[in-house]
Every structure is written in C-alpha cells, then in structure tokens.
C-alpha cells in the first residue's frame, strides 16, 4: 500500500497543475509515448534537485500542469456536484485541490529518489492511448503504472492513471465526495475544508 499511495499521490499532484501545454501534433502512439517520457524525465529532475518541500510542491505543480488534463480531472473529482457548481466555485475548487494534493502527498516525493519509471508499451484504446510503464523504487519490487493519454482538450494530455489497477480518478472522486458529504452537500464549505487541509 505504501508504494501505491506514493505513486498515486505524486502523480495526483500532476493532475492539478495550472500551466497549459503548448498545442501538440495529432495524438498517435509516438506522441503519447513522448508525453509520458517527458513527464517522467521532469519528475526525476525535480527529485534529483534535492530542493526543499515547498519548492518541490511548486515545481511539481508547474511541471505536472504541462502534462495533465486539469479541467477534466478537477471536474471528475467533484463528480455530480460539478453540475450544480458555479464557474467561480469550480475555479476555487481547482486551486484549492491543487494545494491540497501537494500538501497531502508532497512529503512522499523523496521516496522516489534513486528510482525510475520506464515506458514499456503503448496501445490505442477507443479514442485515447494507454501508455504502460514499470516503476522501479529502491527496496521495492517493480510494479506497473499506466497512463491514459487523450487529445480531447486540443492538447495531448494524460487524463487518468492506474497503479496496479488502482484508478486515480475514482480515488480522488471518492475522497472529495466524502468531504462534500461531511459538509452536508455545501460546495463552498467543501472548498473551505479542502483549503484548510492544504
């Protein structure tokens, strides 16, 4: 569970960065692989920099924002409640959620020092590509991390990932849904709770 939590949390942070990726060529096997190769390389650079936690949070937010479909992931995390949220609430939630994930899981980033992700396979599934990688962490058995890459937003971005079958989108939706329930369905109260947890 520790290795699953670390990888899921690290890449969950990627889902909520705010920087846009420049428009890329039409999605194909090569471009899907290139996207994930770039993500992995940038993650490893930050880890190897040995920066302080706060600096690492900022770097991961910036880097991951280049590679993920932030609008889709944030909306999915809110679930059905996103349909009744105002645009201002959605924006406030995206901002709060980015900080929440970074703070929640940031302390685990250093566990990746000395490890690596390697792309092993890529295949088309419906309208997206599934990019399979193998994660190698120190003192851990290798395990699979799979990214789903789409160009639905007009850019090549990953919109979901699986850690040994654990679905990132569903995990985040469950966690945010629980916060909404604890606050009686009040979206503003949920956003405030997420900000406080950050």
N, C-alpha and C. Protein backbone atom coordinates (compact mmCIF):
# COMPACT_ATOMS: atom_id res chain seq x y z
N UNK A 1 0.83 -1.21 0.00
CA UNK A 1 0.00 0.00 0.00
C UNK A 1 0.87 1.26 0.00
N UNK A 2 2.06 1.19 0.64
CA UNK A 2 2.89 2.38 0.70
C UNK A 2 3.33 2.82 -0.68
N UNK A 3 3.79 1.85 -1.50
CA UNK A 3 4.26 2.26 -2.82
C UNK A 3 3.09 2.72 -3.68
N UNK A 4 1.92 2.10 -3.55
CA UNK A 4 0.76 2.54 -4.32
C UNK A 4 0.39 3.97 -3.93
N UNK A 5 0.37 4.24 -2.62
CA UNK A 5 -0.01 5.56 -2.15
C UNK A 5 0.96 6.61 -2.65
N UNK A 6 2.27 6.29 -2.62
CA UNK A 6 3.25 7.27 -3.06
C UNK A 6 3.09 7.62 -4.53
N UNK A 7 3.05 6.60 -5.39
CA UNK A 7 2.99 6.90 -6.81
C UNK A 7 1.67 7.56 -7.17
N UNK A 8 0.57 7.05 -6.61
CA UNK A 8 -0.73 7.66 -6.89
C UNK A 8 -0.74 9.11 -6.46
N UNK A 9 -0.22 9.38 -5.25
CA UNK A 9 -0.25 10.74 -4.74
C UNK A 9 0.65 11.66 -5.52
N UNK A 10 1.83 11.18 -5.87
CA UNK A 10 2.75 12.02 -6.62
C UNK A 10 2.16 12.46 -7.93
N UNK A 11 1.55 11.52 -8.62
CA UNK A 11 1.03 11.85 -9.92
C UNK A 11 -0.36 12.46 -9.85
N UNK A 12 -1.02 12.29 -8.66
CA UNK A 12 -2.26 13.04 -8.46
C UNK A 12 -1.97 14.52 -8.49
N UNK A 13 -0.85 14.93 -7.93
CA UNK A 13 -0.48 16.33 -7.94
C UNK A 13 -0.37 16.83 -9.36
N UNK A 14 0.12 15.97 -10.26
CA UNK A 14 0.25 16.36 -11.66
C UNK A 14 -1.07 16.77 -12.26
N UNK A 15 -2.12 16.10 -11.81
CA UNK A 15 -3.41 16.35 -12.40
C UNK A 15 -3.92 17.75 -12.15
N UNK A 16 -3.35 18.47 -11.20
CA UNK A 16 -3.95 19.72 -10.79
C UNK A 16 -3.07 20.94 -11.01
N UNK A 17 -1.97 20.80 -11.74
CA UNK A 17 -1.17 21.97 -12.07
C UNK A 17 -1.96 22.89 -12.97
N UNK A 18 -1.54 24.15 -13.08
CA UNK A 18 -2.36 25.14 -13.76
C UNK A 18 -1.76 25.65 -15.06
N UNK A 19 -0.55 25.20 -15.45
CA UNK A 19 0.10 25.69 -16.65
C UNK A 19 -0.36 24.90 -17.86
N UNK A 20 -0.65 25.56 -18.96
CA UNK A 20 -1.14 24.88 -20.16
C UNK A 20 0.02 24.36 -20.99
N UNK A 21 -0.19 23.24 -21.68
CA UNK A 21 0.78 22.70 -22.60
C UNK A 21 0.61 23.34 -23.97
N UNK A 22 1.70 23.68 -24.64
CA UNK A 22 1.56 24.20 -26.00
C UNK A 22 0.86 23.18 -26.89
N UNK A 23 0.15 23.67 -27.91
CA UNK A 23 -0.58 22.80 -28.80
C UNK A 23 0.36 21.80 -29.46
N UNK A 24 0.02 20.53 -29.45
CA UNK A 24 0.88 19.49 -29.98
C UNK A 24 0.28 18.90 -31.24
N UNK A 25 1.07 18.06 -31.89
CA UNK A 25 0.61 17.39 -33.10
C UNK A 25 -0.50 16.42 -32.74
N UNK A 26 -1.21 15.92 -33.77
CA UNK A 26 -2.30 14.98 -33.55
C UNK A 26 -1.79 13.78 -32.75
N UNK A 27 -2.64 13.29 -31.88
CA UNK A 27 -2.24 12.20 -30.99
C UNK A 27 -2.04 10.91 -31.76
N UNK A 28 -0.91 10.28 -31.54
CA UNK A 28 -0.62 8.96 -32.07
C UNK A 28 0.27 8.23 -31.07
N UNK A 29 0.68 7.02 -31.41
CA UNK A 29 1.48 6.22 -30.48
C UNK A 29 2.76 6.94 -30.06
N UNK A 30 3.43 7.55 -31.02
CA UNK A 30 4.70 8.21 -30.73
C UNK A 30 4.51 9.42 -29.83
N UNK A 31 3.48 10.24 -30.10
CA UNK A 31 3.28 11.44 -29.29
C UNK A 31 2.78 11.11 -27.89
N UNK A 32 2.00 10.05 -27.76
CA UNK A 32 1.56 9.62 -26.43
C UNK A 32 2.75 9.17 -25.60
N UNK A 33 3.64 8.42 -26.22
CA UNK A 33 4.85 7.96 -25.54
C UNK A 33 5.74 9.15 -25.17
N UNK A 34 5.88 10.09 -26.08
CA UNK A 34 6.70 11.27 -25.84
C UNK A 34 6.19 12.07 -24.65
N UNK A 35 4.87 12.21 -24.54
CA UNK A 35 4.28 12.94 -23.43
C UNK A 35 4.68 12.32 -22.10
N UNK A 36 4.53 11.01 -21.98
CA UNK A 36 4.84 10.34 -20.71
C UNK A 36 6.33 10.31 -20.46
N UNK A 37 7.13 10.15 -21.51
CA UNK A 37 8.59 10.23 -21.34
C UNK A 37 8.99 11.59 -20.76
N UNK A 38 8.35 12.66 -21.28
CA UNK A 38 8.65 13.99 -20.78
C UNK A 38 8.24 14.16 -19.33
N UNK A 39 7.06 13.67 -18.99
CA UNK A 39 6.58 13.74 -17.61
C UNK A 39 7.56 13.05 -16.66
N UNK A 40 7.95 11.83 -17.02
CA UNK A 40 8.86 11.06 -16.18
C UNK A 40 10.20 11.77 -16.03
N UNK A 41 10.73 12.29 -17.13
CA UNK A 41 12.03 12.97 -17.08
C UNK A 41 11.97 14.20 -16.18
N UNK A 42 10.89 14.97 -16.28
CA UNK A 42 10.77 16.18 -15.47
C UNK A 42 10.59 15.85 -13.99
N UNK A 43 9.83 14.81 -13.69
CA UNK A 43 9.68 14.38 -12.29
C UNK A 43 11.04 14.03 -11.71
N UNK A 44 11.82 13.26 -12.45
CA UNK A 44 13.11 12.82 -11.95
C UNK A 44 14.08 13.98 -11.74
N UNK A 45 14.00 14.99 -12.59
CA UNK A 45 14.87 16.16 -12.44
C UNK A 45 14.59 16.89 -11.13
N UNK A 46 13.30 17.05 -10.81
CA UNK A 46 12.95 17.74 -9.58
C UNK A 46 13.37 16.93 -8.37
N UNK A 47 13.12 15.64 -8.41
CA UNK A 47 13.51 14.77 -7.30
C UNK A 47 15.01 14.86 -7.06
N UNK A 48 15.79 14.81 -8.14
CA UNK A 48 17.25 14.82 -8.03
C UNK A 48 17.79 16.17 -7.58
N UNK A 49 16.98 17.23 -7.65
CA UNK A 49 17.45 18.58 -7.29
C UNK A 49 17.64 18.75 -5.79
N UNK A 50 17.01 17.89 -5.00
CA UNK A 50 17.10 17.98 -3.54
C UNK A 50 16.62 19.32 -3.00
N UNK A 51 15.66 19.93 -3.65
CA UNK A 51 15.09 21.18 -3.16
C UNK A 51 14.24 20.91 -1.92
N UNK A 52 13.92 21.97 -1.19
CA UNK A 52 13.05 21.84 -0.03
C UNK A 52 11.64 21.47 -0.47
N UNK A 53 10.82 21.05 0.49
CA UNK A 53 9.49 20.57 0.16
C UNK A 53 8.64 21.63 -0.53
N UNK A 54 8.65 22.85 -0.01
CA UNK A 54 7.82 23.90 -0.61
C UNK A 54 8.20 24.15 -2.05
N UNK A 55 9.50 24.19 -2.31
CA UNK A 55 9.98 24.40 -3.68
C UNK A 55 9.58 23.23 -4.57
N UNK A 56 9.64 22.03 -4.01
CA UNK A 56 9.25 20.85 -4.78
C UNK A 56 7.76 20.89 -5.12
N UNK A 57 6.92 21.32 -4.16
CA UNK A 57 5.49 21.43 -4.42
C UNK A 57 5.25 22.34 -5.62
N UNK A 58 5.92 23.49 -5.61
CA UNK A 58 5.74 24.44 -6.71
C UNK A 58 6.21 23.86 -8.04
N UNK A 59 7.34 23.19 -8.01
CA UNK A 59 7.88 22.61 -9.25
C UNK A 59 6.97 21.51 -9.80
N UNK A 60 6.49 20.65 -8.91
CA UNK A 60 5.60 19.60 -9.38
C UNK A 60 4.29 20.16 -9.91
N UNK A 61 3.77 21.18 -9.26
CA UNK A 61 2.55 21.81 -9.76
C UNK A 61 2.76 22.36 -11.16
N UNK A 62 3.90 23.04 -11.36
CA UNK A 62 4.20 23.61 -12.67
C UNK A 62 4.43 22.53 -13.72
N UNK A 63 5.25 21.55 -13.38
CA UNK A 63 5.61 20.51 -14.35
C UNK A 63 4.40 19.64 -14.69
N UNK A 64 3.69 19.17 -13.68
CA UNK A 64 2.58 18.28 -13.94
C UNK A 64 1.47 18.97 -14.71
N UNK A 65 1.34 20.27 -14.49
CA UNK A 65 0.33 21.01 -15.23
C UNK A 65 0.56 21.00 -16.73
N UNK A 66 1.77 20.75 -17.13
CA UNK A 66 2.08 20.67 -18.56
C UNK A 66 1.54 19.39 -19.20
N UNK A 67 1.32 18.36 -18.39
CA UNK A 67 1.05 17.04 -18.94
C UNK A 67 -0.35 16.50 -18.68
N UNK A 68 -1.15 17.16 -17.85
CA UNK A 68 -2.44 16.58 -17.48
C UNK A 68 -3.61 17.43 -17.93
N UNK A 69 -4.75 16.79 -18.12
CA UNK A 69 -6.00 17.47 -18.49
C UNK A 69 -6.65 17.97 -17.20
N UNK A 70 -6.19 19.12 -16.74
CA UNK A 70 -6.59 19.61 -15.43
C UNK A 70 -8.09 19.85 -15.30
N UNK A 71 -8.69 20.40 -16.34
CA UNK A 71 -10.13 20.70 -16.27
C UNK A 71 -10.94 19.43 -16.10
N UNK A 72 -10.60 18.41 -16.86
CA UNK A 72 -11.34 17.15 -16.80
C UNK A 72 -11.18 16.48 -15.44
N UNK A 73 -9.95 16.43 -14.95
CA UNK A 73 -9.69 15.73 -13.69
C UNK A 73 -10.37 16.44 -12.51
N UNK A 74 -10.29 17.77 -12.49
CA UNK A 74 -10.93 18.51 -11.40
C UNK A 74 -12.45 18.30 -11.43
N UNK A 75 -13.04 18.36 -12.63
CA UNK A 75 -14.49 18.16 -12.75
C UNK A 75 -14.87 16.75 -12.32
N UNK A 76 -14.06 15.77 -12.70
CA UNK A 76 -14.35 14.39 -12.33
C UNK A 76 -14.27 14.21 -10.82
N UNK A 77 -13.29 14.85 -10.19
CA UNK A 77 -13.14 14.72 -8.74
C UNK A 77 -14.37 15.24 -8.01
N UNK A 78 -15.01 16.28 -8.55
CA UNK A 78 -16.22 16.83 -7.94
C UNK A 78 -17.43 15.95 -8.20
N UNK A 79 -17.37 15.11 -9.22
CA UNK A 79 -18.47 14.22 -9.53
C UNK A 79 -19.72 14.97 -9.95
N UNK A 80 -20.89 14.44 -9.59
CA UNK A 80 -22.16 15.04 -9.98
C UNK A 80 -22.32 16.45 -9.42
N UNK A 81 -21.62 16.74 -8.33
CA UNK A 81 -21.73 18.07 -7.72
C UNK A 81 -21.18 19.16 -8.63
N UNK A 82 -20.33 18.80 -9.59
CA UNK A 82 -19.78 19.80 -10.50
C UNK A 82 -20.89 20.43 -11.34
N UNK A 83 -21.97 19.70 -11.57
CA UNK A 83 -23.05 20.23 -12.41
C UNK A 83 -23.81 21.36 -11.73
N UNK A 84 -23.80 21.40 -10.41
CA UNK A 84 -24.50 22.48 -9.72
C UNK A 84 -23.55 23.56 -9.20
N UNK A 85 -22.26 23.38 -9.46
CA UNK A 85 -21.29 24.38 -9.02
C UNK A 85 -21.21 25.52 -10.02
N UNK A 86 -20.99 26.73 -9.53
CA UNK A 86 -20.81 27.87 -10.41
C UNK A 86 -19.39 27.84 -10.98
N UNK A 87 -19.15 28.64 -12.01
CA UNK A 87 -17.81 28.71 -12.58
C UNK A 87 -16.80 29.17 -11.54
N UNK A 88 -17.22 30.11 -10.70
CA UNK A 88 -16.33 30.62 -9.65
C UNK A 88 -15.99 29.51 -8.65
N UNK A 89 -16.99 28.69 -8.32
CA UNK A 89 -16.74 27.59 -7.40
C UNK A 89 -15.81 26.55 -8.02
N UNK A 90 -16.00 26.27 -9.30
CA UNK A 90 -15.12 25.31 -9.97
C UNK A 90 -13.69 25.79 -9.97
N UNK A 91 -13.50 27.07 -10.25
CA UNK A 91 -12.14 27.63 -10.25
C UNK A 91 -11.54 27.59 -8.86
N UNK A 92 -12.33 27.96 -7.86
CA UNK A 92 -11.85 27.95 -6.48
C UNK A 92 -11.50 26.53 -6.05
N UNK A 93 -12.32 25.57 -6.49
CA UNK A 93 -12.04 24.18 -6.15
C UNK A 93 -10.75 23.70 -6.79
N UNK A 94 -10.54 24.00 -8.06
CA UNK A 94 -9.32 23.58 -8.75
C UNK A 94 -8.09 24.12 -8.05
N UNK A 95 -8.13 25.39 -7.67
CA UNK A 95 -7.00 26.00 -6.98
C UNK A 95 -6.76 25.34 -5.62
N UNK A 96 -7.84 25.15 -4.88
CA UNK A 96 -7.72 24.55 -3.54
C UNK A 96 -7.27 23.10 -3.62
N UNK A 97 -7.79 22.39 -4.61
CA UNK A 97 -7.47 20.97 -4.74
C UNK A 97 -6.00 20.77 -5.09
N UNK A 98 -5.44 21.66 -5.91
CA UNK A 98 -4.02 21.57 -6.28
C UNK A 98 -3.15 21.67 -5.03
N UNK A 99 -3.45 22.64 -4.18
CA UNK A 99 -2.67 22.81 -2.95
C UNK A 99 -2.90 21.65 -1.98
N UNK A 100 -4.14 21.18 -1.93
CA UNK A 100 -4.50 20.07 -1.05
C UNK A 100 -3.70 18.81 -1.38
N UNK A 101 -3.65 18.48 -2.65
CA UNK A 101 -2.94 17.27 -3.07
C UNK A 101 -1.44 17.43 -2.83
N UNK A 102 -0.89 18.60 -3.17
CA UNK A 102 0.54 18.83 -2.97
C UNK A 102 0.92 18.69 -1.50
N UNK A 103 0.14 19.29 -0.61
CA UNK A 103 0.43 19.22 0.81
C UNK A 103 0.22 17.82 1.37
N UNK A 104 -0.82 17.16 0.90
CA UNK A 104 -1.16 15.83 1.42
C UNK A 104 -0.11 14.80 1.10
N UNK A 105 0.41 14.87 -0.13
CA UNK A 105 1.32 13.82 -0.58
C UNK A 105 2.77 14.28 -0.81
N UNK A 106 3.01 15.57 -0.69
CA UNK A 106 4.34 16.07 -1.03
C UNK A 106 5.47 15.46 -0.23
N UNK A 107 5.22 15.14 1.03
CA UNK A 107 6.28 14.59 1.87
C UNK A 107 6.76 13.24 1.37
N UNK A 108 5.99 12.60 0.50
CA UNK A 108 6.37 11.28 -0.01
C UNK A 108 7.22 11.35 -1.28
N UNK A 109 7.35 12.53 -1.86
CA UNK A 109 8.07 12.64 -3.12
C UNK A 109 9.49 12.10 -3.03
N UNK A 110 10.14 12.35 -1.91
CA UNK A 110 11.54 11.94 -1.80
C UNK A 110 11.73 10.43 -1.81
N UNK A 111 10.64 9.70 -1.61
CA UNK A 111 10.75 8.24 -1.67
C UNK A 111 11.13 7.77 -3.06
N UNK A 112 10.96 8.64 -4.05
CA UNK A 112 11.27 8.25 -5.42
C UNK A 112 12.74 8.44 -5.77
N UNK A 113 13.52 9.06 -4.87
CA UNK A 113 14.95 9.27 -5.13
C UNK A 113 15.62 7.93 -5.39
N UNK A 114 16.36 7.87 -6.47
CA UNK A 114 17.05 6.64 -6.83
C UNK A 114 16.18 5.68 -7.63
N UNK A 115 14.91 6.05 -7.83
CA UNK A 115 14.01 5.18 -8.61
C UNK A 115 13.80 5.73 -10.01
N UNK A 116 13.00 5.03 -10.78
CA UNK A 116 12.74 5.47 -12.15
C UNK A 116 11.46 4.83 -12.66
N UNK A 117 10.88 5.45 -13.69
CA UNK A 117 9.77 4.88 -14.44
C UNK A 117 10.26 4.64 -15.86
N UNK A 118 9.92 3.51 -16.42
CA UNK A 118 10.31 3.20 -17.78
C UNK A 118 9.07 2.83 -18.60
N UNK A 119 8.90 3.48 -19.76
CA UNK A 119 7.79 3.14 -20.66
C UNK A 119 8.06 1.78 -21.28
N UNK A 120 7.06 0.91 -21.20
CA UNK A 120 7.24 -0.46 -21.72
C UNK A 120 6.30 -0.80 -22.87
N UNK A 121 5.18 -0.08 -22.99
CA UNK A 121 4.22 -0.43 -24.04
C UNK A 121 3.25 0.72 -24.24
N UNK A 122 2.71 0.83 -25.45
CA UNK A 122 1.69 1.84 -25.73
C UNK A 122 0.72 1.23 -26.73
N UNK A 123 -0.58 1.43 -26.51
CA UNK A 123 -1.57 0.90 -27.43
C UNK A 123 -2.79 1.80 -27.46
N UNK A 124 -3.48 1.80 -28.59
CA UNK A 124 -4.67 2.62 -28.74
C UNK A 124 -5.87 1.91 -28.13
N UNK A 125 -6.69 2.66 -27.38
CA UNK A 125 -7.92 2.14 -26.78
C UNK A 125 -9.01 3.15 -27.05
N UNK A 126 -9.94 2.81 -27.92
CA UNK A 126 -11.01 3.74 -28.30
C UNK A 126 -10.39 5.02 -28.84
N UNK A 127 -10.63 6.16 -28.16
CA UNK A 127 -10.12 7.44 -28.65
C UNK A 127 -8.91 7.95 -27.86
N UNK A 128 -8.30 7.09 -27.10
CA UNK A 128 -7.12 7.50 -26.35
C UNK A 128 -6.04 6.42 -26.45
N UNK A 129 -4.88 6.71 -25.88
CA UNK A 129 -3.79 5.76 -25.84
C UNK A 129 -3.48 5.38 -24.41
N UNK A 130 -3.16 4.12 -24.23
CA UNK A 130 -2.78 3.59 -22.93
C UNK A 130 -1.27 3.38 -22.94
N UNK A 131 -0.59 4.13 -22.09
CA UNK A 131 0.88 4.04 -22.02
C UNK A 131 1.26 3.31 -20.73
N UNK A 132 1.86 2.16 -20.88
CA UNK A 132 2.25 1.35 -19.72
C UNK A 132 3.70 1.62 -19.36
N UNK A 133 3.94 1.76 -18.07
CA UNK A 133 5.31 1.94 -17.58
C UNK A 133 5.54 0.97 -16.43
N UNK A 134 6.80 0.74 -16.13
CA UNK A 134 7.17 -0.03 -14.94
C UNK A 134 7.93 0.90 -14.01
N UNK A 135 7.51 0.93 -12.75
CA UNK A 135 8.15 1.76 -11.74
C UNK A 135 9.16 0.93 -10.96
N UNK A 136 10.35 1.49 -10.82
CA UNK A 136 11.41 0.86 -10.04
C UNK A 136 11.77 1.80 -8.90
N UNK A 137 11.46 1.40 -7.67
CA UNK A 137 11.81 2.17 -6.49
C UNK A 137 12.83 1.39 -5.68
N UNK A 138 13.62 2.10 -4.92
CA UNK A 138 14.61 1.42 -4.09
C UNK A 138 13.92 0.52 -3.08
N UNK A 139 14.45 -0.68 -2.93
CA UNK A 139 13.95 -1.64 -1.95
C UNK A 139 12.50 -2.04 -2.17
N UNK A 140 12.02 -1.93 -3.41
CA UNK A 140 10.66 -2.34 -3.75
C UNK A 140 10.68 -3.21 -5.00
N UNK A 141 9.73 -4.12 -5.12
CA UNK A 141 9.60 -4.89 -6.36
C UNK A 141 9.02 -3.98 -7.44
N UNK A 142 9.43 -4.14 -8.70
CA UNK A 142 8.87 -3.31 -9.78
C UNK A 142 7.36 -3.50 -9.87
N UNK A 143 6.66 -2.45 -10.27
CA UNK A 143 5.22 -2.53 -10.43
C UNK A 143 4.77 -1.62 -11.57
N UNK A 144 3.56 -1.88 -12.08
CA UNK A 144 3.09 -1.19 -13.27
C UNK A 144 2.32 0.09 -12.94
N UNK A 145 2.59 1.12 -13.73
CA UNK A 145 1.84 2.38 -13.68
C UNK A 145 1.39 2.67 -15.11
N UNK A 146 0.08 2.82 -15.31
CA UNK A 146 -0.47 3.02 -16.65
C UNK A 146 -1.13 4.39 -16.75
N UNK A 147 -0.79 5.11 -17.82
CA UNK A 147 -1.36 6.43 -18.08
C UNK A 147 -2.32 6.36 -19.27
N UNK A 148 -3.43 7.08 -19.18
CA UNK A 148 -4.34 7.21 -20.30
C UNK A 148 -4.16 8.60 -20.89
N UNK A 149 -3.83 8.66 -22.18
CA UNK A 149 -3.50 9.92 -22.85
C UNK A 149 -4.52 10.21 -23.94
N UNK A 150 -5.01 11.45 -23.97
CA UNK A 150 -6.02 11.86 -24.93
C UNK A 150 -5.70 13.25 -25.46
N UNK A 151 -6.30 13.59 -26.62
CA UNK A 151 -6.17 14.96 -27.14
C UNK A 151 -7.54 15.64 -27.17
N UNK A 152 -8.46 15.20 -26.31
CA UNK A 152 -9.82 15.74 -26.30
C UNK A 152 -9.86 17.23 -26.03
N UNK A 153 -8.86 17.74 -25.31
CA UNK A 153 -8.83 19.16 -24.97
C UNK A 153 -8.19 20.01 -26.06
N UNK A 154 -7.70 19.36 -27.12
CA UNK A 154 -6.95 20.07 -28.15
C UNK A 154 -5.45 19.97 -27.93
N UNK A 155 -5.07 19.34 -26.82
CA UNK A 155 -3.66 19.12 -26.50
C UNK A 155 -3.49 17.65 -26.11
N UNK A 156 -2.31 17.12 -26.26
CA UNK A 156 -2.02 15.76 -25.82
C UNK A 156 -1.72 15.80 -24.32
N UNK A 157 -2.61 15.21 -23.53
CA UNK A 157 -2.50 15.26 -22.07
C UNK A 157 -2.96 13.94 -21.48
N UNK A 158 -2.43 13.59 -20.29
CA UNK A 158 -2.97 12.39 -19.65
C UNK A 158 -4.16 12.80 -18.79
N UNK A 159 -5.18 11.94 -18.77
CA UNK A 159 -6.40 12.26 -18.03
C UNK A 159 -6.72 11.25 -16.95
N UNK A 160 -5.96 10.17 -16.86
CA UNK A 160 -6.16 9.20 -15.80
C UNK A 160 -4.93 8.32 -15.72
N UNK A 161 -4.81 7.63 -14.60
CA UNK A 161 -3.72 6.67 -14.45
C UNK A 161 -4.15 5.56 -13.50
N UNK A 162 -3.46 4.44 -13.62
CA UNK A 162 -3.75 3.27 -12.79
C UNK A 162 -2.44 2.78 -12.17
N UNK A 163 -2.48 2.52 -10.86
CA UNK A 163 -1.34 1.95 -10.15
C UNK A 163 -1.73 0.54 -9.75
N UNK A 164 -1.20 -0.45 -10.47
CA UNK A 164 -1.57 -1.84 -10.20
C UNK A 164 -3.09 -2.00 -10.10
N UNK A 165 -3.79 -1.34 -11.01
CA UNK A 165 -5.24 -1.45 -11.08
C UNK A 165 -6.00 -0.42 -10.26
N UNK A 166 -5.31 0.38 -9.44
CA UNK A 166 -5.97 1.41 -8.65
C UNK A 166 -6.18 2.64 -9.52
N UNK A 167 -7.43 3.06 -9.67
CA UNK A 167 -7.83 4.12 -10.59
C UNK A 167 -7.72 5.49 -9.91
N UNK A 168 -6.86 6.36 -10.45
CA UNK A 168 -6.66 7.68 -9.88
C UNK A 168 -7.94 8.50 -9.83
N UNK A 169 -8.67 8.55 -10.94
CA UNK A 169 -9.89 9.37 -10.98
C UNK A 169 -10.90 8.93 -9.93
N UNK A 170 -11.12 7.63 -9.84
CA UNK A 170 -12.10 7.14 -8.88
C UNK A 170 -11.66 7.39 -7.44
N UNK A 171 -10.35 7.26 -7.19
CA UNK A 171 -9.84 7.50 -5.85
C UNK A 171 -10.07 8.94 -5.43
N UNK A 172 -9.77 9.88 -6.33
CA UNK A 172 -9.94 11.29 -5.99
C UNK A 172 -11.42 11.67 -5.87
N UNK A 173 -12.26 11.10 -6.71
CA UNK A 173 -13.69 11.38 -6.61
C UNK A 173 -14.24 10.91 -5.27
N UNK A 174 -13.80 9.74 -4.82
CA UNK A 174 -14.26 9.21 -3.54
C UNK A 174 -13.85 10.12 -2.39
N UNK A 175 -12.61 10.59 -2.42
CA UNK A 175 -12.13 11.43 -1.33
C UNK A 175 -12.85 12.78 -1.28
N UNK A 176 -13.03 13.40 -2.43
CA UNK A 176 -13.72 14.69 -2.46
C UNK A 176 -15.20 14.52 -2.14
N UNK A 177 -15.79 13.43 -2.63
CA UNK A 177 -17.19 13.16 -2.32
C UNK A 177 -17.42 13.01 -0.83
N UNK A 178 -16.46 12.39 -0.15
CA UNK A 178 -16.58 12.22 1.30
C UNK A 178 -16.54 13.57 2.01
N UNK A 179 -15.70 14.48 1.51
CA UNK A 179 -15.62 15.82 2.12
C UNK A 179 -16.93 16.58 1.89
N UNK A 180 -17.49 16.45 0.68
CA UNK A 180 -18.77 17.10 0.39
C UNK A 180 -19.86 16.56 1.32
N UNK A 181 -19.90 15.25 1.49
CA UNK A 181 -20.91 14.64 2.36
C UNK A 181 -20.78 15.12 3.80
N UNK A 182 -19.54 15.22 4.27
CA UNK A 182 -19.33 15.67 5.66
C UNK A 182 -19.78 17.11 5.86
N UNK A 183 -19.87 17.86 4.75
CA UNK A 183 -20.29 19.25 4.84
C UNK A 183 -21.72 19.45 4.34
N UNK A 184 -22.50 18.39 4.39
CA UNK A 184 -23.91 18.49 4.06
C UNK A 184 -24.20 18.89 2.63
N UNK A 185 -23.29 18.59 1.71
CA UNK A 185 -23.50 18.92 0.31
C UNK A 185 -23.17 20.36 -0.05
N UNK A 186 -22.68 21.12 0.90
CA UNK A 186 -22.36 22.54 0.67
C UNK A 186 -21.02 22.64 -0.06
N UNK A 187 -21.04 23.10 -1.31
CA UNK A 187 -19.82 23.17 -2.11
C UNK A 187 -18.83 24.18 -1.54
N UNK A 188 -19.32 25.34 -1.12
CA UNK A 188 -18.43 26.34 -0.54
C UNK A 188 -17.76 25.82 0.72
N UNK A 189 -18.51 25.09 1.53
CA UNK A 189 -17.94 24.53 2.75
C UNK A 189 -16.91 23.46 2.40
N UNK A 190 -17.17 22.68 1.34
CA UNK A 190 -16.20 21.68 0.91
C UNK A 190 -14.91 22.35 0.47
N UNK A 191 -15.03 23.42 -0.31
CA UNK A 191 -13.85 24.13 -0.78
C UNK A 191 -13.06 24.69 0.39
N UNK A 192 -13.77 25.24 1.36
CA UNK A 192 -13.11 25.77 2.55
C UNK A 192 -12.38 24.67 3.31
N UNK A 193 -12.99 23.47 3.39
CA UNK A 193 -12.37 22.35 4.07
C UNK A 193 -11.11 21.90 3.35
N UNK A 194 -11.18 21.89 2.01
CA UNK A 194 -10.01 21.49 1.23
C UNK A 194 -8.88 22.50 1.40
N UNK A 195 -9.23 23.79 1.42
CA UNK A 195 -8.23 24.84 1.64
C UNK A 195 -7.59 24.69 3.02
N UNK A 196 -8.41 24.41 4.01
CA UNK A 196 -7.90 24.26 5.37
C UNK A 196 -6.96 23.07 5.47
N UNK A 197 -7.28 22.00 4.75
CA UNK A 197 -6.44 20.81 4.78
C UNK A 197 -5.13 21.03 4.04
N UNK A 198 -5.07 22.11 3.23
CA UNK A 198 -3.86 22.43 2.49
C UNK A 198 -2.83 23.08 3.39
